[in-house]
Protein backbone atom coordinates (compact mmCIF):
# COMPACT_ATOMS: atom_id res chain seq x y z
CA MET A 1 -12.20 -49.57 23.92
CA LYS A 2 -14.73 -47.42 25.77
CA LYS A 3 -11.95 -45.12 26.98
CA ILE A 4 -10.59 -44.81 23.44
CA VAL A 5 -14.02 -43.84 22.12
CA GLN A 6 -14.45 -41.29 24.91
CA LEU A 7 -11.00 -39.84 24.20
CA SER A 8 -11.69 -39.64 20.47
CA THR A 9 -15.00 -37.89 21.14
CA CYS A 10 -13.26 -35.43 23.44
CA VAL A 11 -10.61 -34.64 20.83
CA PHE A 12 -13.29 -34.20 18.17
CA PHE A 13 -15.19 -31.64 20.22
CA MET A 14 -11.97 -29.84 21.15
CA VAL A 15 -11.02 -29.48 17.48
CA TRP A 16 -14.58 -28.59 16.46
CA GLY A 17 -14.72 -26.01 19.24
CA SER A 18 -11.45 -24.44 18.10
CA VAL A 19 -12.69 -24.18 14.51
CA PHE A 20 -15.99 -22.72 15.68
CA ASN A 21 -14.23 -20.12 17.83
CA LEU A 22 -11.95 -19.19 14.92
CA LYS A 23 -14.94 -18.68 12.64
CA ALA A 24 -16.74 -16.72 15.34
CA GLN A 25 -13.89 -14.22 15.58
CA ASP A 26 -13.97 -10.95 13.65
CA TRP A 27 -10.95 -12.07 11.64
CA PRO A 28 -10.83 -9.09 9.22
CA ASN A 29 -11.65 -6.69 12.11
CA LEU A 30 -14.82 -5.40 10.50
CA LYS A 31 -15.77 -3.65 13.74
CA ARG A 32 -12.60 -1.55 13.85
CA TYR A 33 -13.98 1.34 11.79
CA ALA A 34 -17.70 0.53 11.85
CA GLU A 35 -18.61 3.49 14.07
CA ALA A 36 -16.31 5.90 12.25
CA ASN A 37 -17.71 4.79 8.89
CA ALA A 38 -21.26 5.42 10.09
CA GLN A 39 -20.29 9.00 10.97
CA ILE A 40 -18.13 9.71 7.94
CA ASP A 41 -20.44 12.37 6.50
CA THR A 42 -20.03 14.41 9.67
CA THR A 43 -16.25 14.06 9.83
CA ASN A 44 -15.22 14.32 6.18
CA ALA A 45 -16.45 16.43 3.29
CA LYS A 46 -18.47 14.43 0.78
CA GLU A 47 -16.46 15.78 -2.16
CA ASP A 48 -12.99 14.56 -3.06
CA ARG A 49 -12.52 12.04 -0.30
CA VAL A 50 -9.50 9.76 -0.52
CA VAL A 51 -9.18 6.57 1.51
CA PHE A 52 -5.78 5.22 2.53
CA MET A 53 -6.20 1.46 2.94
CA GLY A 54 -3.47 -0.40 4.74
CA ASN A 55 -1.90 -1.91 7.81
CA SER A 56 0.06 -0.47 10.77
CA ILE A 57 2.10 1.75 8.45
CA THR A 58 -1.08 3.53 7.38
CA GLU A 59 -2.55 3.49 10.88
CA GLY A 60 0.69 4.92 12.27
CA TRP A 61 0.68 7.59 9.59
CA VAL A 62 -2.68 8.92 10.80
CA ASN A 63 -1.45 8.92 14.38
CA SER A 64 1.85 10.57 13.47
CA ASN A 65 0.41 13.40 11.37
CA PRO A 66 -3.37 13.63 11.64
CA ASP A 67 -3.31 17.11 10.11
CA PHE A 68 -2.07 15.67 6.81
CA PHE A 69 -5.25 13.62 6.63
CA THR A 70 -7.64 16.23 7.96
CA LYS A 71 -6.56 19.11 5.74
CA ASN A 72 -6.60 16.97 2.60
CA ASN A 73 -9.91 15.20 3.33
CA PHE A 74 -8.05 11.90 3.55
CA ILE A 75 -9.51 8.95 5.45
CA GLY A 76 -7.16 6.52 7.15
CA ARG A 77 -8.25 2.90 7.21
CA GLY A 78 -5.15 1.09 8.37
CA ILE A 79 -5.20 -1.77 10.87
CA SER A 80 -2.04 -2.96 12.56
CA GLY A 81 -0.82 -6.41 11.56
CA GLN A 82 -3.28 -6.92 8.73
CA THR A 83 -2.66 -8.89 5.58
CA THR A 84 -4.20 -8.52 2.12
CA PRO A 85 -6.95 -11.16 2.59
CA GLN A 86 -8.16 -9.32 5.68
CA MET A 87 -8.12 -5.99 3.84
CA LEU A 88 -9.96 -7.50 0.91
CA LEU A 89 -12.74 -8.71 3.20
CA ARG A 90 -13.26 -5.24 4.67
CA PHE A 91 -12.62 -3.32 1.45
CA ARG A 92 -16.27 -2.70 0.65
CA GLN A 93 -17.25 -1.24 4.01
CA ASP A 94 -13.97 0.60 4.66
CA VAL A 95 -13.45 1.98 1.14
CA ILE A 96 -16.29 1.60 -1.36
CA ASP A 97 -19.12 2.50 1.01
CA LEU A 98 -17.33 5.74 1.96
CA ASP A 99 -17.73 6.94 -1.65
CA PRO A 100 -14.20 8.27 -2.19
CA VAL A 101 -12.81 9.62 -5.44
CA ALA A 102 -9.66 7.58 -4.94
CA VAL A 103 -8.06 4.90 -2.81
CA VAL A 104 -4.38 4.51 -1.95
CA ILE A 105 -3.60 0.85 -1.26
CA LEU A 106 -0.52 0.03 0.79
CA ALA A 107 -0.32 -3.66 1.64
CA GLY A 108 1.70 -6.84 1.51
CA THR A 109 4.50 -6.65 4.04
CA ASN A 110 2.57 -8.55 6.73
CA ASP A 111 1.71 -11.24 4.18
CA ILE A 112 5.41 -11.77 3.55
CA ALA A 113 5.97 -12.01 7.30
CA GLY A 114 3.26 -14.69 7.43
CA ASN A 115 1.01 -12.91 9.91
CA THR A 116 -2.03 -14.92 8.82
CA GLY A 117 -0.22 -17.91 7.40
CA PRO A 118 1.90 -18.71 4.35
CA MET A 119 1.30 -16.59 1.24
CA THR A 120 2.93 -16.74 -2.18
CA ASN A 121 3.97 -13.60 -4.02
CA GLU A 122 1.25 -14.28 -6.57
CA GLN A 123 -1.44 -14.60 -3.89
CA ILE A 124 -0.42 -11.30 -2.34
CA VAL A 125 -0.49 -9.51 -5.68
CA ASP A 126 -3.80 -11.15 -6.61
CA ASN A 127 -5.44 -9.80 -3.44
CA ILE A 128 -4.18 -6.29 -4.17
CA ILE A 129 -5.44 -6.61 -7.74
CA SER A 130 -8.84 -7.71 -6.43
CA MET A 131 -9.03 -4.58 -4.28
CA ALA A 132 -8.06 -2.46 -7.27
CA GLU A 133 -10.69 -4.10 -9.45
CA LEU A 134 -13.38 -3.60 -6.81
CA ALA A 135 -12.50 0.07 -6.61
CA GLU A 136 -12.49 0.57 -10.37
CA ALA A 137 -15.83 -1.23 -10.72
CA ASN A 138 -17.25 1.39 -8.37
CA GLY A 139 -15.76 4.40 -10.13
CA ILE A 140 -12.92 4.91 -7.66
CA LYS A 141 -9.46 5.89 -8.89
CA VAL A 142 -6.74 3.48 -7.76
CA ILE A 143 -3.22 4.23 -6.56
CA VAL A 144 -1.20 1.09 -5.79
CA SER A 145 1.72 1.64 -3.44
CA SER A 146 4.97 -0.24 -3.37
CA ILE A 147 5.74 -2.22 -0.24
CA LEU A 148 8.11 -0.22 1.93
CA PRO A 149 11.69 -1.44 2.37
CA ALA A 150 12.29 -3.92 5.19
CA ALA A 151 15.59 -5.75 5.59
CA LYS A 152 14.17 -7.82 8.44
CA TYR A 153 10.93 -8.23 10.39
CA PRO A 154 11.64 -7.86 14.13
CA TRP A 155 8.75 -10.20 14.99
CA LYS A 156 9.77 -12.75 12.33
CA PRO A 157 13.58 -12.42 12.07
CA LYS A 158 14.03 -15.69 10.15
CA VAL A 159 11.70 -14.64 7.32
CA GLU A 160 13.41 -13.50 4.12
CA SER A 161 11.91 -10.11 3.30
CA VAL A 162 14.08 -8.33 0.75
CA ALA A 163 13.66 -10.66 -2.24
CA PRO A 164 9.85 -10.99 -1.92
CA ILE A 165 9.43 -7.23 -1.50
CA LEU A 166 11.49 -6.54 -4.62
CA LYS A 167 9.59 -9.19 -6.59
CA ILE A 168 6.13 -8.06 -5.50
CA ASN A 169 6.92 -4.41 -6.13
CA THR A 170 8.02 -5.29 -9.66
CA MET A 171 4.81 -7.24 -10.22
CA LEU A 172 2.69 -4.36 -8.91
CA LYS A 173 4.53 -1.83 -11.06
CA TYR A 174 3.98 -3.90 -14.21
CA TYR A 175 0.33 -4.43 -13.31
CA CYS A 176 -0.22 -0.69 -12.92
CA GLU A 177 1.55 0.07 -16.18
CA GLY A 178 -0.59 -2.48 -18.00
CA LYS A 179 -3.84 -1.16 -16.53
CA GLY A 180 -3.03 2.55 -16.68
CA LEU A 181 -3.03 2.91 -12.90
CA VAL A 182 -0.70 5.04 -10.83
CA TYR A 183 2.08 3.15 -9.08
CA LEU A 184 3.23 4.95 -5.93
CA ASP A 185 6.90 4.13 -5.47
CA TYR A 186 7.89 4.67 -1.85
CA PHE A 187 10.56 1.96 -2.01
CA SER A 188 13.14 3.63 -4.23
CA LYS A 189 12.92 6.88 -2.26
CA MET A 190 13.35 5.24 1.14
CA ALA A 191 15.58 2.17 0.75
CA ASN A 192 19.17 2.09 1.98
CA GLU A 193 22.01 0.02 0.54
CA GLU A 194 20.60 -3.11 2.24
CA ASN A 195 17.14 -2.52 0.75
CA GLY A 196 15.86 -1.72 4.23
CA LEU A 197 14.66 1.42 5.94
CA PRO A 198 17.49 3.59 7.26
CA LYS A 199 17.63 4.53 10.94
CA ASN A 200 16.67 8.13 10.28
CA LEU A 201 13.38 6.99 8.72
CA SER A 202 12.49 4.04 10.99
CA GLU A 203 13.37 2.88 14.48
CA ASP A 204 12.52 -0.79 13.91
CA GLY A 205 13.29 -1.09 10.22
CA VAL A 206 9.64 -1.56 9.23
CA HIS A 207 7.49 1.29 10.54
CA PRO A 208 8.31 4.85 9.48
CA THR A 209 9.10 7.54 12.01
CA GLU A 210 7.69 11.03 11.60
CA ALA A 211 10.66 11.73 9.31
CA GLY A 212 9.74 8.67 7.27
CA TYR A 213 6.18 9.84 6.81
CA LYS A 214 7.48 13.25 5.75
CA VAL A 215 9.19 11.47 2.85
CA MET A 216 6.00 9.62 1.98
CA GLU A 217 3.59 12.55 2.07
CA PRO A 218 4.72 14.48 -1.03
CA LEU A 219 5.00 11.21 -2.93
CA ALA A 220 1.40 10.36 -2.07
CA LEU A 221 0.20 13.83 -3.00
CA GLU A 222 2.01 13.67 -6.34
CA ALA A 223 0.52 10.25 -7.09
CA LEU A 224 -2.97 11.51 -6.32
CA LYS A 225 -2.41 14.59 -8.49
CA LYS A 226 -1.35 12.31 -11.33
CA SER A 227 -4.34 10.03 -10.87
CA LEU A 228 -6.99 12.69 -10.36
CA GLY A 229 -5.54 15.34 -12.64
CA ASN A 230 -5.75 18.18 -10.13
C-alpha cells in the first residue's frame, strides 16, 4: 500500500509539473515581436500603417519580399506554425497597439492541420471574427483573407484539408459581406484543379514561393485600396 501511495504521489507531481511547465511557456509567442513593437515608431511611419497578421505564410512573405512591406509602410506580424487562438492572444500587442489604419488577417490553415489541437470550422471562424471585432472596436479597418489552397499538409498528410478550407472560406466571405468588410480572395486566384497550390506557386503545396507572393501582392493592394478608399 505504501508503494502504491508513493507511486500515485509521484504521478501526481509529474502531471502537475507538466501542466505547470505548459502554462509557464510563452504559448502565443508574445516575445516574438516585443522588441520590434517597442521600436515601431522608429521603423515605420506613424501615418497609414497596415499590419499583416498571420502565420508562416505572412512571415515568409516578409522574408521573400521585404521591399513590398517597407515601401508601403506595411508591418509583418506572422509567426510560423501559429493558429488563430495564438494570434488572438497576441492581437492587441501585435496589431492594436501599433495604431495601424488597417489590418490584413490571414489565418486558419494551421488550425485545420491541428497544430495546437483539434479545432472545428466554427471555432476557427469565431477566432478570426474576434480579431476583426477587436480591430473595428479600435478604429482599425479590417481585411479578412481567404485561407490559401492546400491539397495536403506535408507535416500532417492524413488530415483532410480541401473541404475545411472551402467551407471556412465560404463562411468568411459571407461574414465579410454581412459586416461590410473586405474579403481578400487569394484562393480563387491561386488554386489548381485539385484545390491546391500549383508547383509554380509553391514548392511544398502550402507555402508560396516568390512567384506565389507576386500573385498575392496586387490582390492585397487592391483589397486595401477598396477598404481605405485610396
